[in-house]
């Protein structure tokens, strides 16, 4: 099962992953992007591609 991992040191909280994710895996809390429901991840890797800071990796 795919699992998205956010590197908090790289993430700038832009929210591009929140916008692009088809399954609403991510959300923003206090200006930071967090994984809301990693079990919904389908492994499409759109978040990896869209992230301008290369802060998200999807593990298989």
Protein backbone atom coordinates (compact mmCIF):
# COMPACT_ATOMS: atom_id res chain seq x y z
CA UNK A 1 0.00 0.00 0.00
CA UNK A 2 1.47 3.39 -0.97
CA UNK A 3 2.34 5.83 1.79
CA UNK A 4 3.06 9.54 1.24
CA UNK A 5 5.88 10.97 3.35
CA UNK A 6 6.28 14.74 3.81
CA UNK A 7 9.72 16.11 4.68
CA UNK A 8 8.88 19.00 7.01
CA UNK A 9 12.32 20.54 6.48
CA UNK A 10 11.67 20.93 2.75
CA UNK A 11 7.92 21.67 2.79
CA UNK A 12 7.07 25.37 2.54
CA UNK A 13 3.32 24.88 3.06
CA UNK A 14 2.33 26.03 -0.43
CA UNK A 15 -0.51 23.50 -0.61
CA UNK A 16 0.06 22.36 -4.19
CA UNK A 17 -0.21 18.75 -3.03
CA UNK A 18 -3.51 19.53 -1.31
CA UNK A 19 -4.88 20.93 -4.57
CA UNK A 20 -3.61 18.15 -6.87
CA UNK A 21 -4.37 15.04 -4.79
CA UNK A 22 -7.41 13.23 -6.24
CA UNK A 23 -8.10 11.43 -2.96
CA UNK A 24 -7.72 14.37 -0.53
CA UNK A 25 -4.86 12.70 1.34
CA UNK A 26 -3.36 16.05 2.42
CA UNK A 27 -4.61 19.04 4.33
CA UNK A 28 -3.26 22.24 5.87
CA UNK A 29 -3.04 22.84 9.60
CA UNK A 30 -1.65 26.13 10.90
CA UNK A 31 0.01 26.85 7.55
CA UNK A 32 1.68 23.44 7.31
CA UNK A 33 0.78 20.57 5.01
CA UNK A 34 -0.07 17.35 6.81
CA UNK A 35 -1.19 13.89 5.79
CA UNK A 36 -4.86 13.67 6.69
CA UNK A 37 -5.59 10.11 5.56
CA UNK A 38 -2.64 8.18 4.15
CA UNK A 39 -4.84 5.10 3.72
CA UNK A 40 -6.62 6.89 0.84
CA UNK A 41 -3.37 7.23 -1.15
CA UNK A 42 -3.61 5.43 -4.49
CA UNK A 43 0.06 5.92 -5.37
CA UNK A 44 -0.49 8.19 -8.37
CA UNK A 45 2.49 10.34 -7.32
CA UNK A 46 0.85 13.57 -8.49
CA UNK A 47 1.95 15.13 -5.20
CA UNK A 48 5.60 14.22 -5.87
CA UNK A 49 5.47 15.71 -9.36
CA UNK A 50 3.63 18.89 -8.32
CA UNK A 51 5.68 19.70 -5.19
CA UNK A 52 8.03 22.60 -6.03
CA UNK A 53 10.31 21.77 -3.08
CA UNK A 54 10.58 17.99 -3.67
CA UNK A 55 9.24 17.52 -0.15
CA UNK A 56 6.97 14.52 -0.77
CA UNK A 57 7.91 10.94 -1.55
CA UNK A 58 5.44 8.12 -1.96
CA UNK A 59 6.71 4.82 -0.59
CA UNK A 60 5.37 1.60 -2.07
